[in-house]
Amino acid sequence: MYKVITTILLIAVLSSSIFAQEAVEKKVKKKKLFKKEQKAQEVDNPLQAPTVPEKPAVKAPSVVNDMKAPVEAPEVDENAPVFEFMEESFDFGNDIIDGEKKTHTFKFTNVGESPLIIEKVKASCGCTTPNWPKTPIAPGEVGEITATYNSKGRPGKFNKAVRITSNAATPTKVLYIKGEVQRANPAEGLPVKKKSIVEESN
């Protein structure tokens, strides 16, 4: 009887160990199958990184090439009128007495191929009054621009500009006058006051 019970127990232990081993093997097989399926999915559907659009290549400016590029000179009208002054500045000297008006005439010739039209002449100060031809100066014709300086109340050195605007090839031209004004001596050169008719009769 004891032998029978022992044999039954041994069979039960052996069978349970066999079942346990089979269960472990099944789990291992399931894990292997699961890993194979995951790998297969990764191969079939690989994770794709978001694609970044490529920026267009920007060509860096080449200083050397820019310097080599031809520089276009402004077009000049060959037939435009041209100023030719005998002088472009004048010095009155230092013998101007306070209160005197001094005038200088700048003579010029139109050496261009078309009539010269002076649009405007403006002095740099209200103490200087310019005068100029208001009619066109034909090619080869001579013209005059005068500048009158009023020295009243302006003792000392002066240097004034007269700006000319015209249709010449060089549209802006500047003339200069300068000098020095001396203070008037109150003891000399005072005008003599004339007597009135009433004073003369007495």
Protein backbone atom coordinates (compact mmCIF):
# COMPACT_ATOMS: atom_id res chain seq x y z
CA MET A 1 0.00 0.00 0.00
CA TYR A 2 2.82 2.35 0.88
CA LYS A 3 4.51 1.63 -2.44
CA VAL A 4 1.32 2.41 -4.37
CA ILE A 5 0.91 5.78 -2.67
CA THR A 6 4.58 6.64 -3.22
CA THR A 7 4.29 5.74 -6.90
CA ILE A 8 1.17 7.89 -7.33
CA LEU A 9 2.88 10.86 -5.66
CA LEU A 10 5.95 10.49 -7.89
CA ILE A 11 3.75 10.37 -10.97
CA ALA A 12 1.89 13.49 -9.80
CA VAL A 13 5.13 15.39 -9.12
CA LEU A 14 6.59 14.39 -12.47
CA SER A 15 3.44 15.30 -14.36
CA SER A 16 3.22 18.71 -12.62
CA SER A 17 6.85 19.47 -13.43
CA ILE A 18 6.26 18.48 -17.05
CA PHE A 19 3.19 20.73 -17.23
CA ALA A 20 5.13 23.59 -15.64
CA GLN A 21 7.99 23.17 -18.08
CA GLU A 22 5.57 23.15 -21.01
CA ALA A 23 3.92 26.31 -19.71
CA VAL A 24 7.32 28.05 -19.47
CA GLU A 25 8.21 26.96 -23.00
CA LYS A 26 4.87 28.27 -24.26
CA LYS A 27 5.53 31.66 -22.62
CA VAL A 28 9.01 31.82 -24.16
CA LYS A 29 7.58 30.94 -27.57
CA LYS A 30 4.88 33.63 -27.18
CA LYS A 31 7.53 36.24 -26.27
CA LYS A 32 9.65 35.29 -29.29
CA LEU A 33 6.62 35.47 -31.58
CA PHE A 34 5.66 38.89 -30.15
CA LYS A 35 9.19 40.25 -30.73
CA LYS A 36 9.18 38.91 -34.30
CA GLU A 37 5.84 40.61 -34.99
CA GLN A 38 7.17 43.92 -33.59
CA LYS A 39 10.25 43.73 -35.79
CA ALA A 40 8.13 42.94 -38.81
CA GLN A 41 5.91 45.98 -38.11
CA GLU A 42 8.96 48.23 -37.69
CA VAL A 43 10.27 47.06 -41.07
CA ASP A 44 6.89 47.52 -42.74
CA ASN A 45 6.12 50.92 -41.11
CA PRO A 46 9.39 52.59 -40.15
CA LEU A 47 9.07 55.83 -38.19
CA GLN A 48 9.72 58.72 -40.56
CA ALA A 49 11.24 61.91 -39.25
CA PRO A 50 9.39 65.06 -40.33
CA THR A 51 10.88 66.35 -43.53
CA VAL A 52 12.11 69.95 -43.38
CA PRO A 53 11.82 71.81 -46.67
CA GLU A 54 15.18 72.80 -47.98
CA LYS A 55 15.83 76.54 -48.12
CA PRO A 56 16.77 77.88 -51.53
CA ALA A 57 20.45 78.60 -51.75
CA VAL A 58 21.10 82.33 -51.47
CA LYS A 59 23.96 83.55 -53.55
CA ALA A 60 26.27 85.70 -51.47
CA PRO A 61 27.14 89.01 -53.08
CA SER A 62 30.58 89.06 -54.53
CA VAL A 63 32.35 92.34 -53.85
CA VAL A 64 34.97 91.57 -56.47
CA ASN A 65 32.37 90.84 -59.15
CA ASP A 66 30.36 93.93 -58.20
CA MET A 67 33.48 96.07 -58.56
CA LYS A 68 34.12 94.59 -61.99
CA ALA A 69 30.63 95.48 -63.16
CA PRO A 70 30.66 98.42 -65.59
CA VAL A 71 29.60 101.70 -64.03
CA GLU A 72 27.17 103.59 -66.23
CA ALA A 73 28.04 107.27 -66.48
CA PRO A 74 25.12 109.70 -66.56
CA GLU A 75 24.19 110.69 -70.08
CA VAL A 76 25.30 114.17 -71.06
CA ASP A 77 23.52 116.09 -73.79
CA GLU A 78 26.24 117.03 -76.24
CA ASN A 79 24.06 119.83 -77.58
CA ALA A 80 23.39 121.38 -74.17
CA PRO A 81 24.40 125.01 -73.54
CA VAL A 82 27.64 125.59 -71.63
CA PHE A 83 28.69 128.50 -69.39
CA GLU A 84 32.18 129.88 -69.90
CA PHE A 85 32.94 132.67 -67.40
CA MET A 86 35.87 135.05 -67.69
CA GLU A 87 36.09 134.83 -63.89
CA GLU A 88 34.06 133.09 -61.19
CA SER A 89 35.13 135.12 -58.15
CA PHE A 90 35.94 138.78 -57.47
CA ASP A 91 37.62 140.62 -54.59
CA PHE A 92 36.46 144.21 -53.95
CA GLY A 93 39.43 144.77 -51.66
CA ASN A 94 39.39 146.59 -48.31
CA ASP A 95 38.58 150.15 -49.38
CA ILE A 96 34.79 149.87 -49.07
CA ILE A 97 33.32 152.44 -46.63
CA ASP A 98 30.34 151.38 -44.52
CA GLY A 99 27.19 152.37 -46.44
CA GLU A 100 28.62 152.06 -49.94
CA LYS A 101 27.15 149.76 -52.60
CA LYS A 102 29.63 147.90 -54.74
CA THR A 103 28.74 146.12 -57.99
CA HIS A 104 30.72 143.65 -60.04
CA THR A 105 29.82 142.27 -63.47
CA PHE A 106 30.57 138.63 -64.31
CA LYS A 107 30.77 138.15 -68.09
CA PHE A 108 30.18 134.78 -69.70
CA THR A 109 29.82 133.17 -73.13
CA ASN A 110 27.50 130.35 -74.14
CA VAL A 111 29.95 127.94 -75.79
CA GLY A 112 27.31 125.20 -76.15
CA GLU A 113 25.19 124.19 -79.13
CA SER A 114 21.78 125.42 -77.93
CA PRO A 115 20.30 128.54 -76.28
CA LEU A 116 21.21 129.08 -72.63
CA ILE A 117 18.28 129.87 -70.33
CA ILE A 118 19.02 131.16 -66.83
CA GLU A 119 16.11 130.08 -64.66
CA LYS A 120 17.11 131.64 -61.33
CA VAL A 121 19.98 133.48 -59.65
CA LYS A 122 19.99 133.61 -55.84
CA ALA A 123 22.48 135.22 -53.45
CA SER A 124 23.48 133.70 -50.12
CA CYS A 125 22.52 136.89 -48.27
CA GLY A 126 19.92 139.63 -48.57
CA CYS A 127 22.78 142.14 -48.63
CA THR A 128 23.68 140.97 -52.16
CA THR A 129 21.39 141.67 -55.12
CA PRO A 130 21.96 139.73 -58.37
CA ASN A 131 20.78 140.68 -61.84
CA TRP A 132 20.82 138.44 -64.93
CA PRO A 133 19.50 138.17 -68.51
CA LYS A 134 15.87 137.08 -68.66
CA THR A 135 16.03 136.12 -72.35
CA PRO A 136 17.84 133.05 -73.81
CA ILE A 137 21.52 133.48 -74.65
CA ALA A 138 22.20 132.05 -78.12
CA PRO A 139 25.26 129.86 -78.81
CA GLY A 140 28.35 132.05 -79.05
CA GLU A 141 26.55 135.03 -77.47
CA VAL A 142 27.97 136.92 -74.46
CA GLY A 143 25.91 137.63 -71.33
CA GLU A 144 26.38 139.38 -67.99
CA ILE A 145 25.41 138.64 -64.39
CA THR A 146 25.88 141.43 -61.87
CA ALA A 147 26.20 141.17 -58.09
CA THR A 148 25.68 144.29 -55.96
CA TYR A 149 26.79 144.27 -52.33
CA ASN A 150 25.20 146.69 -49.86
CA SER A 151 27.75 147.35 -47.09
CA LYS A 152 25.48 149.50 -44.91
CA GLY A 153 25.79 148.39 -41.27
CA ARG A 154 28.14 145.54 -42.19
CA PRO A 155 31.70 146.51 -41.26
CA GLY A 156 34.34 143.80 -41.55
CA LYS A 157 35.18 141.08 -44.05
CA PHE A 158 32.53 139.43 -46.20
CA ASN A 159 32.41 136.46 -48.57
CA LYS A 160 29.15 135.91 -50.46
CA ALA A 161 27.98 133.37 -53.00
CA VAL A 162 25.68 133.82 -55.99
CA ARG A 163 24.07 130.55 -57.17
CA ILE A 164 22.93 130.25 -60.79
CA THR A 165 20.35 127.67 -61.93
CA SER A 166 20.02 127.10 -65.69
CA ASN A 167 19.52 124.56 -68.47
CA ALA A 168 23.28 124.30 -69.02
CA ALA A 169 25.17 121.00 -69.10
CA THR A 170 26.17 121.87 -65.52
CA PRO A 171 22.79 123.10 -64.22
CA THR A 172 24.16 124.81 -61.09
CA LYS A 173 26.99 127.33 -61.08
CA VAL A 174 28.27 129.39 -58.15
CA LEU A 175 30.03 132.79 -58.30
CA TYR A 176 31.74 134.48 -55.34
CA ILE A 177 32.34 138.05 -54.20
CA LYS A 178 34.39 139.10 -51.20
CA GLY A 179 35.98 142.16 -49.60
CA GLU A 180 36.29 144.15 -46.40
CA VAL A 181 34.12 147.05 -45.21
CA GLN A 182 35.70 149.86 -43.18
CA ARG A 183 33.79 151.78 -40.54
CA ALA A 184 32.91 155.34 -41.54
CA ASN A 185 34.79 158.09 -39.65
CA PRO A 186 32.14 160.33 -38.03
CA ALA A 187 34.52 163.32 -38.10
CA GLU A 188 35.04 163.08 -41.87
CA GLY A 189 32.73 163.24 -44.81
CA LEU A 190 29.59 164.24 -42.89
CA PRO A 191 27.04 165.88 -45.20
CA VAL A 192 26.52 169.61 -44.64
CA LYS A 193 22.98 170.45 -43.66
CA LYS A 194 21.50 173.04 -45.97
CA LYS A 195 19.81 176.02 -44.43
CA SER A 196 16.10 176.31 -44.80
CA ILE A 197 14.45 179.26 -46.58
CA VAL A 198 13.43 180.68 -43.18
CA GLU A 199 17.04 180.46 -41.88
CA GLU A 200 18.45 182.12 -45.05
CA SER A 201 15.99 185.03 -44.81
CA ASN A 202 17.15 185.76 -41.28
